Amino acid sequence: MDNSILILLIAQGLCFVLWTGLSFRAVFQIRAIAESRSGQMFPGPVSFLSAMGVWLKDPAHRLTRGLWALSLLGIMAPSLVIAFGPGRVE
């Protein structure tokens, strides 16, 4: 295996770990919003979807959303480089 491909795969793995952590953080933030809005300990799916809309628009969560999107791009980019970059397998 070429060293450059190995480096890209390691970078992709690190981005995946970051994305996973941010995804869990977002789910817990959305659940907290749903719980505070509904007043119930276990809000239902409708409350969760409503809270997701609030989370997507809230400027306080802008950093989490931005990092989540960048880490998602970081997951996709190495695959695209490997697939369509120089020295690809045909």
PDB file of N, CA and C in Angstrom:
ATOM      1  N   MET A   1       0.856  -1.177   0.000  1.00  0.00           N
ATOM      2  CA  MET A   1       0.000   0.000   0.000  1.00  0.00           C
ATOM      3  C   MET A   1       0.902   1.239   0.000  1.00  0.00           C
ATOM      4  N   ASP A   2       0.540   2.191  -0.797  1.00  0.00           N
ATOM      5  CA  ASP A   2       1.278   3.433  -0.894  1.00  0.00           C
ATOM      6  C   ASP A   2       1.141   4.232   0.400  1.00  0.00           C
ATOM      7  N   ASN A   3       2.210   4.929   0.799  1.00  0.00           N
ATOM      8  CA  ASN A   3       2.178   5.703   2.043  1.00  0.00           C
ATOM      9  C   ASN A   3       1.165   6.833   2.001  1.00  0.00           C
ATOM     10  N   SER A   4       0.970   7.445   0.848  1.00  0.00           N
ATOM     11  CA  SER A   4       0.008   8.545   0.757  1.00  0.00           C
ATOM     12  C   SER A   4      -1.415   8.042   0.997  1.00  0.00           C
ATOM     13  N   ILE A   5      -1.738   6.869   0.512  1.00  0.00           N
ATOM     14  CA  ILE A   5      -3.065   6.303   0.755  1.00  0.00           C
ATOM     15  C   ILE A   5      -3.235   5.983   2.238  1.00  0.00           C
ATOM     16  N   LEU A   6      -2.174   5.482   2.856  1.00  0.00           N
ATOM     17  CA  LEU A   6      -2.235   5.184   4.285  1.00  0.00           C
ATOM     18  C   LEU A   6      -2.469   6.456   5.096  1.00  0.00           C
ATOM     19  N   ILE A   7      -1.802   7.529   4.730  1.00  0.00           N
ATOM     20  CA  ILE A   7      -1.991   8.804   5.425  1.00  0.00           C
ATOM     21  C   ILE A   7      -3.425   9.308   5.240  1.00  0.00           C
ATOM     22  N   LEU A   8      -3.953   9.197   4.028  1.00  0.00           N
ATOM     23  CA  LEU A   8      -5.340   9.618   3.782  1.00  0.00           C
ATOM     24  C   LEU A   8      -6.333   8.790   4.594  1.00  0.00           C
ATOM     25  N   LEU A   9      -6.096   7.492   4.695  1.00  0.00           N
ATOM     26  CA  LEU A   9      -7.002   6.643   5.470  1.00  0.00           C
ATOM     27  C   LEU A   9      -6.927   6.953   6.961  1.00  0.00           C
ATOM     28  N   ILE A  10      -5.747   7.267   7.461  1.00  0.00           N
ATOM     29  CA  ILE A  10      -5.621   7.661   8.873  1.00  0.00           C
ATOM     30  C   ILE A  10      -6.347   8.986   9.111  1.00  0.00           C
ATOM     31  N   ALA A  11      -6.186   9.940   8.198  1.00  0.00           N
ATOM     32  CA  ALA A  11      -6.897  11.219   8.321  1.00  0.00           C
ATOM     33  C   ALA A  11      -8.403  11.006   8.272  1.00  0.00           C
ATOM     34  N   GLN A  12      -8.845  10.110   7.411  1.00  0.00           N
ATOM     35  CA  GLN A  12     -10.272   9.807   7.313  1.00  0.00           C
ATOM     36  C   GLN A  12     -10.774   9.187   8.611  1.00  0.00           C
ATOM     37  N   GLY A  13      -9.994   8.314   9.207  1.00  0.00           N
ATOM     38  CA  GLY A  13     -10.377   7.704  10.473  1.00  0.00           C
ATOM     39  C   GLY A  13     -10.476   8.727  11.593  1.00  0.00           C
ATOM     40  N   LEU A  14      -9.529   9.665  11.638  1.00  0.00           N
ATOM     41  CA  LEU A  14      -9.580  10.708  12.659  1.00  0.00           C
ATOM     42  C   LEU A  14     -10.800  11.610  12.470  1.00  0.00           C
ATOM     43  N   CYS A  15     -11.105  11.933  11.223  1.00  0.00           N
ATOM     44  CA  CYS A  15     -12.311  12.735  10.954  1.00  0.00           C
ATOM     45  C   CYS A  15     -13.569  11.970  11.349  1.00  0.00           C
ATOM     46  N   PHE A  16     -13.559  10.656  11.146  1.00  0.00           N
ATOM     47  CA  PHE A  16     -14.723   9.856  11.527  1.00  0.00           C
ATOM     48  C   PHE A  16     -14.915   9.856  13.040  1.00  0.00           C
ATOM     49  N   VAL A  17     -13.825   9.762  13.784  1.00  0.00           N
ATOM     50  CA  VAL A  17     -13.920   9.805  15.248  1.00  0.00           C
ATOM     51  C   VAL A  17     -14.478  11.156  15.696  1.00  0.00           C
ATOM     52  N   LEU A  18     -13.999  12.248  15.095  1.00  0.00           N
ATOM     53  CA  LEU A  18     -14.513  13.579  15.414  1.00  0.00           C
ATOM     54  C   LEU A  18     -15.985  13.686  15.063  1.00  0.00           C
ATOM     55  N   TRP A  19     -16.357  13.207  13.881  1.00  0.00           N
ATOM     56  CA  TRP A  19     -17.758  13.267  13.441  1.00  0.00           C
ATOM     57  C   TRP A  19     -18.667  12.481  14.386  1.00  0.00           C
ATOM     58  N   THR A  20     -18.206  11.310  14.825  1.00  0.00           N
ATOM     59  CA  THR A  20     -19.004  10.496  15.736  1.00  0.00           C
ATOM     60  C   THR A  20     -19.237  11.216  17.055  1.00  0.00           C
ATOM     61  N   GLY A  21     -18.188  11.794  17.601  1.00  0.00           N
ATOM     62  CA  GLY A  21     -18.333  12.536  18.856  1.00  0.00           C
ATOM     63  C   GLY A  21     -19.268  13.716  18.718  1.00  0.00           C
ATOM     64  N   LEU A  22     -19.139  14.460  17.624  1.00  0.00           N
ATOM     65  CA  LEU A  22     -20.016  15.606  17.398  1.00  0.00           C
ATOM     66  C   LEU A  22     -21.456  15.175  17.156  1.00  0.00           C
ATOM     67  N   SER A  23     -21.644  14.025  16.524  1.00  0.00           N
ATOM     68  CA  SER A  23     -23.008  13.525  16.301  1.00  0.00           C
ATOM     69  C   SER A  23     -23.679  13.183  17.626  1.00  0.00           C
ATOM     70  N   PHE A  24     -22.948  12.505  18.506  1.00  0.00           N
ATOM     71  CA  PHE A  24     -23.518  12.209  19.820  1.00  0.00           C
ATOM     72  C   PHE A  24     -23.794  13.485  20.599  1.00  0.00           C
ATOM     73  N   ARG A  25     -22.880  14.445  20.524  1.00  0.00           N
ATOM     74  CA  ARG A  25     -23.095  15.711  21.219  1.00  0.00           C
ATOM     75  C   ARG A  25     -24.362  16.402  20.704  1.00  0.00           C
ATOM     76  N   ALA A  26     -24.549  16.403  19.380  1.00  0.00           N
ATOM     77  CA  ALA A  26     -25.729  17.039  18.794  1.00  0.00           C
ATOM     78  C   ALA A  26     -27.004  16.338  19.241  1.00  0.00           C
ATOM     79  N   VAL A  27     -27.000  15.013  19.254  1.00  0.00           N
ATOM     80  CA  VAL A  27     -28.199  14.277  19.674  1.00  0.00           C
ATOM     81  C   VAL A  27     -28.544  14.599  21.126  1.00  0.00           C
ATOM     82  N   PHE A  28     -27.537  14.663  21.983  1.00  0.00           N
ATOM     83  CA  PHE A  28     -27.807  14.976  23.385  1.00  0.00           C
ATOM     84  C   PHE A  28     -28.261  16.417  23.563  1.00  0.00           C
ATOM     85  N   GLN A  29     -27.725  17.344  22.766  1.00  0.00           N
ATOM     86  CA  GLN A  29     -28.193  18.731  22.827  1.00  0.00           C
ATOM     87  C   GLN A  29     -29.641  18.835  22.360  1.00  0.00           C
ATOM     88  N   ILE A  30     -29.974  18.144  21.294  1.00  0.00           N
ATOM     89  CA  ILE A  30     -31.343  18.175  20.777  1.00  0.00           C
ATOM     90  C   ILE A  30     -32.299  17.549  21.783  1.00  0.00           C
ATOM     91  N   ARG A  31     -31.878  16.460  22.413  1.00  0.00           N
ATOM     92  CA  ARG A  31     -32.712  15.825  23.435  1.00  0.00           C
ATOM     93  C   ARG A  31     -32.948  16.761  24.617  1.00  0.00           C
ATOM     94  N   ALA A  32     -31.925  17.511  25.018  1.00  0.00           N
ATOM     95  CA  ALA A  32     -32.077  18.465  26.123  1.00  0.00           C
ATOM     96  C   ALA A  32     -33.051  19.578  25.750  1.00  0.00           C
ATOM     97  N   ILE A  33     -32.989  20.043  24.517  1.00  0.00           N
ATOM     98  CA  ILE A  33     -33.934  21.062  24.060  1.00  0.00           C
ATOM     99  C   ILE A  33     -35.353  20.504  24.066  1.00  0.00           C
ATOM    100  N   ALA A  34     -35.519  19.286  23.558  1.00  0.00           N
ATOM    101  CA  ALA A  34     -36.850  18.662  23.518  1.00  0.00           C
ATOM    102  C   ALA A  34     -37.385  18.454  24.926  1.00  0.00           C
ATOM    103  N   GLU A  35     -36.522  18.050  25.844  1.00  0.00           N
ATOM    104  CA  GLU A  35     -36.962  17.830  27.221  1.00  0.00           C
ATOM    105  C   GLU A  35     -37.377  19.138  27.881  1.00  0.00           C
ATOM    106  N   SER A  36     -36.634  20.198  27.649  1.00  0.00           N
ATOM    107  CA  SER A  36     -36.983  21.479  28.264  1.00  0.00           C
ATOM    108  C   SER A  36     -38.248  22.077  27.644  1.00  0.00           C
ATOM    109  N   ARG A  37     -38.460  21.862  26.352  1.00  0.00           N
ATOM    110  CA  ARG A  37     -39.651  22.415  25.701  1.00  0.00           C
ATOM    111  C   ARG A  37     -40.915  21.631  26.042  1.00  0.00           C
ATOM    112  N   SER A  38     -40.788  20.291  26.178  1.00  0.00           N
ATOM    113  CA  SER A  38     -41.984  19.480  26.436  1.00  0.00           C
ATOM    114  C   SER A  38     -42.258  19.307  27.920  1.00  0.00           C
ATOM    115  N   GLY A  39     -41.222  19.432  28.748  1.00  0.00           N
ATOM    116  CA  GLY A  39     -41.405  19.230  30.184  1.00  0.00           C
ATOM    117  C   GLY A  39     -41.467  17.765  30.576  1.00  0.00           C
ATOM    118  N   GLN A  40     -41.233  16.870  29.639  1.00  0.00           N
ATOM    119  CA  GLN A  40     -41.263  15.434  29.916  1.00  0.00           C
ATOM    120  C   GLN A  40     -39.846  14.882  29.922  1.00  0.00           C
ATOM    121  N   MET A  41     -39.639  13.864  30.746  1.00  0.00           N
ATOM    122  CA  MET A  41     -38.314  13.270  30.828  1.00  0.00           C
ATOM    123  C   MET A  41     -37.942  12.545  29.529  1.00  0.00           C
ATOM    124  N   PHE A  42     -38.918  11.910  28.908  1.00  0.00           N
ATOM    125  CA  PHE A  42     -38.699  11.188  27.650  1.00  0.00           C
ATOM    126  C   PHE A  42     -39.635  11.748  26.581  1.00  0.00           C
ATOM    127  N   PRO A  43     -39.208  12.832  25.906  1.00  0.00           N
ATOM    128  CA  PRO A  43     -40.069  13.404  24.866  1.00  0.00           C
ATOM    129  C   PRO A  43     -40.156  12.472  23.666  1.00  0.00           C
ATOM    130  N   GLY A  44     -41.242  12.532  22.975  1.00  0.00           N
ATOM    131  CA  GLY A  44     -41.465  11.653  21.833  1.00  0.00           C
ATOM    132  C   GLY A  44     -40.764  12.131  20.581  1.00  0.00           C
ATOM    133  N   PRO A  45     -40.972  11.402  19.491  1.00  0.00           N
ATOM    134  CA  PRO A  45     -40.307  11.746  18.232  1.00  0.00           C
ATOM    135  C   PRO A  45     -40.725  13.102  17.669  1.00  0.00           C
ATOM    136  N   VAL A  46     -41.971  13.482  17.865  1.00  0.00           N
ATOM    137  CA  VAL A  46     -42.427  14.779  17.354  1.00  0.00           C
ATOM    138  C   VAL A  46     -41.725  15.909  18.093  1.00  0.00           C
ATOM    139  N   SER A  47     -41.575  15.759  19.403  1.00  0.00           N
ATOM    140  CA  SER A  47     -40.853  16.759  20.183  1.00  0.00           C
ATOM    141  C   SER A  47     -39.385  16.822  19.764  1.00  0.00           C
ATOM    142  N   PHE A  48     -38.817  15.660  19.481  1.00  0.00           N
ATOM    143  CA  PHE A  48     -37.423  15.619  19.049  1.00  0.00           C
ATOM    144  C   PHE A  48     -37.247  16.334  17.713  1.00  0.00           C
ATOM    145  N   LEU A  49     -38.153  16.096  16.771  1.00  0.00           N
ATOM    146  CA  LEU A  49     -38.053  16.757  15.465  1.00  0.00           C
ATOM    147  C   LEU A  49     -38.242  18.261  15.589  1.00  0.00           C
ATOM    148  N   SER A  50     -39.151  18.673  16.460  1.00  0.00           N
ATOM    149  CA  SER A  50     -39.350  20.093  16.705  1.00  0.00           C
ATOM    150  C   SER A  50     -38.091  20.712  17.317  1.00  0.00           C
ATOM    151  N   ALA A  51     -37.492  20.000  18.259  1.00  0.00           N
ATOM    152  CA  ALA A  51     -36.266  20.489  18.892  1.00  0.00           C
ATOM    153  C   ALA A  51     -35.109  20.513  17.909  1.00  0.00           C
ATOM    154  N   MET A  52     -35.118  19.606  16.936  1.00  0.00           N
ATOM    155  CA  MET A  52     -34.063  19.600  15.929  1.00  0.00           C
ATOM    156  C   MET A  52     -34.124  20.880  15.098  1.00  0.00           C
ATOM    157  N   GLY A  53     -35.326  21.322  14.777  1.00  0.00           N
ATOM    158  CA  GLY A  53     -35.472  22.583  14.058  1.00  0.00           C
ATOM    159  C   GLY A  53     -34.941  23.758  14.862  1.00  0.00           C
ATOM    160  N   VAL A  54     -35.206  23.744  16.168  1.00  0.00           N
ATOM    161  CA  VAL A  54     -34.679  24.797  17.040  1.00  0.00           C
ATOM    162  C   VAL A  54     -33.158  24.735  17.064  1.00  0.00           C
ATOM    163  N   TRP A  55     -32.604  23.530  17.178  1.00  0.00           N
ATOM    164  CA  TRP A  55     -31.145  23.353  17.238  1.00  0.00           C
ATOM    165  C   TRP A  55     -30.477  23.822  15.942  1.00  0.00           C
ATOM    166  N   LEU A  56     -31.110  23.547  14.801  1.00  0.00           N
ATOM    167  CA  LEU A  56     -30.532  23.942  13.521  1.00  0.00           C
ATOM    168  C   LEU A  56     -30.505  25.460  13.338  1.00  0.00           C
ATOM    169  N   LYS A  57     -31.433  26.164  13.968  1.00  0.00           N
ATOM    170  CA  LYS A  57     -31.517  27.619  13.809  1.00  0.00           C
ATOM    171  C   LYS A  57     -30.820  28.392  14.923  1.00  0.00           C
ATOM    172  N   ASP A  58     -30.509  27.743  16.039  1.00  0.00           N
ATOM    173  CA  ASP A  58     -29.955  28.426  17.207  1.00  0.00           C
ATOM    174  C   ASP A  58     -28.497  28.810  16.963  1.00  0.00           C
ATOM    175  N   PRO A  59     -28.157  30.104  17.074  1.00  0.00           N
ATOM    176  CA  PRO A  59     -26.771  30.514  16.866  1.00  0.00           C
ATOM    177  C   PRO A  59     -25.818  29.970  17.936  1.00  0.00           C
ATOM    178  N   ALA A  60     -26.323  29.567  19.077  1.00  0.00           N
ATOM    179  CA  ALA A  60     -25.474  29.031  20.139  1.00  0.00           C
ATOM    180  C   ALA A  60     -24.857  27.688  19.736  1.00  0.00           C
ATOM    181  N   HIS A  61     -25.461  26.996  18.792  1.00  0.00           N
ATOM    182  CA  HIS A  61     -24.972  25.688  18.360  1.00  0.00           C
ATOM    183  C   HIS A  61     -24.275  25.758  16.999  1.00  0.00           C
ATOM    184  N   ARG A  62     -23.920  26.958  16.573  1.00  0.00           N
ATOM    185  CA  ARG A  62     -23.297  27.145  15.262  1.00  0.00           C
ATOM    186  C   ARG A  62     -21.952  26.425  15.173  1.00  0.00           C
ATOM    187  N   LEU A  63     -21.163  26.485  16.228  1.00  0.00           N
ATOM    188  CA  LEU A  63     -19.842  25.843  16.210  1.00  0.00           C
ATOM    189  C   LEU A  63     -19.971  24.326  16.051  1.00  0.00           C
ATOM    190  N   THR A  64     -20.888  23.719  16.782  1.00  0.00           N
ATOM    191  CA  THR A  64     -21.092  22.275  16.672  1.00  0.00           C
ATOM    192  C   THR A  64     -21.532  21.896  15.263  1.00  0.00           C
ATOM    193  N   ARG A  65     -22.464  22.655  14.703  1.00  0.00           N
ATOM    194  CA  ARG A  65     -22.935  22.368  13.344  1.00  0.00           C
ATOM    195  C   ARG A  65     -21.813  22.526  12.320  1.00  0.00           C
ATOM    196  N   GLY A  66     -21.014  23.578  12.462  1.00  0.00           N
ATOM    197  CA  GLY A  66     -19.924  23.811  11.519  1.00  0.00           C
ATOM    198  C   GLY A  66     -18.851  22.737  11.593  1.00  0.00           C
ATOM    199  N   LEU A  67     -18.460  22.375  12.810  1.00  0.00           N
ATOM    200  CA  LEU A  67     -17.456  21.319  12.967  1.00  0.00           C
ATOM    201  C   LEU A  67     -17.984  19.986  12.463  1.00  0.00           C
ATOM    202  N   TRP A  68     -19.276  19.738  12.688  1.00  0.00           N
ATOM    203  CA  TRP A  68     -19.883  18.498  12.212  1.00  0.00           C
ATOM    204  C   TRP A  68     -19.815  18.434  10.685  1.00  0.00           C
ATOM    205  N   ALA A  69     -20.155  19.541  10.031  1.00  0.00           N
ATOM    206  CA  ALA A  69     -20.126  19.571   8.563  1.00  0.00           C
ATOM    207  C   ALA A  69     -18.702  19.433   8.033  1.00  0.00           C
ATOM    208  N   LEU A  70     -17.742  20.098   8.662  1.00  0.00           N
ATOM    209  CA  LEU A  70     -16.354  19.989   8.216  1.00  0.00           C
ATOM    210  C   LEU A  70     -15.803  18.583   8.408  1.00  0.00           C
ATOM    211  N   SER A  71     -16.158  17.953   9.519  1.00  0.00           N
ATOM    212  CA  SER A  71     -15.680  16.590   9.737  1.00  0.00           C
ATOM    213  C   SER A  71     -16.323  15.626   8.740  1.00  0.00           C
ATOM    214  N   LEU A  72     -17.566  15.885   8.358  1.00  0.00           N
ATOM    215  CA  LEU A  72     -18.211  15.057   7.336  1.00  0.00           C
ATOM    216  C   LEU A  72     -17.501  15.202   5.990  1.00  0.00           C
ATOM    217  N   LEU A  73     -17.119  16.422   5.654  1.00  0.00           N
ATOM    218  CA  LEU A  73     -16.342  16.625   4.429  1.00  0.00           C
ATOM    219  C   LEU A  73     -14.977  15.957   4.534  1.00  0.00           C
ATOM    220  N   GLY A  74     -14.398  15.973   5.732  1.00  0.00           N
ATOM    221  CA  GLY A  74     -13.124  15.305   5.945  1.00  0.00           C
ATOM    222  C   GLY A  74     -13.217  13.803   5.804  1.00  0.00           C
ATOM    223  N   ILE A  75     -14.377  13.255   6.077  1.00  0.00           N
ATOM    224  CA  ILE A  75     -14.583  11.822   5.879  1.00  0.00           C
ATOM    225  C   ILE A  75     -14.691  11.507   4.390  1.00  0.00           C
ATOM    226  N   MET A  76     -15.362  12.366   3.651  1.00  0.00           N
ATOM    227  CA  MET A  76     -15.603  12.096   2.230  1.00  0.00           C
ATOM    228  C   MET A  76     -14.402  12.405   1.356  1.00  0.00           C
ATOM    229  N   ALA A  77     -13.625  13.418   1.692  1.00  0.00           N
ATOM    230  CA  ALA A  77     -12.543  13.879   0.823  1.00  0.00           C
ATOM    231  C   ALA A  77     -11.487  12.807   0.534  1.00  0.00           C
ATOM    232  N   PRO A  78     -10.967  12.094   1.540  1.00  0.00           N
ATOM    233  CA  PRO A  78      -9.951  11.081   1.196  1.00  0.00           C
ATOM    234  C   PRO A  78     -10.473   9.996   0.261  1.00  0.00           C
ATOM    235  N   SER A  79     -11.722   9.625   0.401  1.00  0.00           N
ATOM    236  CA  SER A  79     -12.284   8.618  -0.498  1.00  0.00           C
ATOM    237  C   SER A  79     -12.324   9.135  -1.938  1.00  0.00           C
ATOM    238  N   LEU A  80     -12.665  10.404  -2.092  1.00  0.00           N
ATOM    239  CA  LEU A  80     -12.697  10.986  -3.433  1.00  0.00           C
ATOM    240  C   LEU A  80     -11.300  11.109  -4.016  1.00  0.00           C
ATOM    241  N   VAL A  81     -10.320  11.451  -3.175  1.00  0.00           N
ATOM    242  CA  VAL A  81      -8.938  11.551  -3.652  1.00  0.00           C
ATOM    243  C   VAL A  81      -8.439  10.182  -4.087  1.00  0.00           C
ATOM    244  N   ILE A  82      -8.730   9.171  -3.282  1.00  0.00           N
ATOM    245  CA  ILE A  82      -8.284   7.820  -3.622  1.00  0.00           C
ATOM    246  C   ILE A  82      -8.973   7.324  -4.893  1.00  0.00           C
ATOM    247  N   ALA A  83     -10.272   7.596  -5.016  1.00  0.00           N
ATOM    248  CA  ALA A  83     -11.029   7.091  -6.163  1.00  0.00           C
ATOM    249  C   ALA A  83     -10.702   7.827  -7.458  1.00  0.00           C
ATOM    250  N   PHE A  84     -10.554   9.138  -7.392  1.00  0.00           N
ATOM    251  CA  PHE A  84     -10.411   9.920  -8.623  1.00  0.00           C
ATOM    252  C   PHE A  84      -9.060  10.604  -8.761  1.00  0.00           C
ATOM    253  N   GLY A  85      -8.173  10.415  -7.807  1.00  0.00           N
ATOM    254  CA  GLY A  85      -6.870  11.066  -7.837  1.00  0.00           C
ATOM    255  C   GLY A  85      -5.898  10.399  -8.779  1.00  0.00           C
ATOM    256  N   PRO A  86      -4.680  10.935  -8.823  1.00  0.00           N
ATOM    257  CA  PRO A  86      -3.654  10.343  -9.698  1.00  0.00           C
ATOM    258  C   PRO A  86      -3.275   8.944  -9.201  1.00  0.00           C
ATOM    259  N   GLY A  87      -3.020   8.068 -10.122  1.00  0.00           N
ATOM    260  CA  GLY A  87      -2.619   6.712  -9.759  1.00  0.00           C
ATOM    261  C   GLY A  87      -3.770   5.824  -9.350  1.00  0.00           C
ATOM    262  N   ARG A  88      -4.974   6.190  -9.723  1.00  0.00           N
ATOM    263  CA  ARG A  88      -6.129   5.380  -9.355  1.00  0.00           C
ATOM    264  C   ARG A  88      -6.129   4.052 -10.085  1.00  0.00           C
ATOM    265  N   VAL A  89      -6.805   3.112  -9.514  1.00  0.00           N
ATOM    266  CA  VAL A  89      -6.914   1.792 -10.136  1.00  0.00           C
ATOM    267  C   VAL A  89      -8.075   1.828 -11.117  1.00  0.00           C
ATOM    268  N   GLU A  90      -7.837   1.360 -12.323  1.00  0.00           N
ATOM    269  CA  GLU A  90      -8.894   1.389 -13.328  1.00  0.00           C
ATOM    270  C   GLU A  90      -9.412   0.024 -13.617  1.00  0.00           C
TER     271      GLU A  90
END
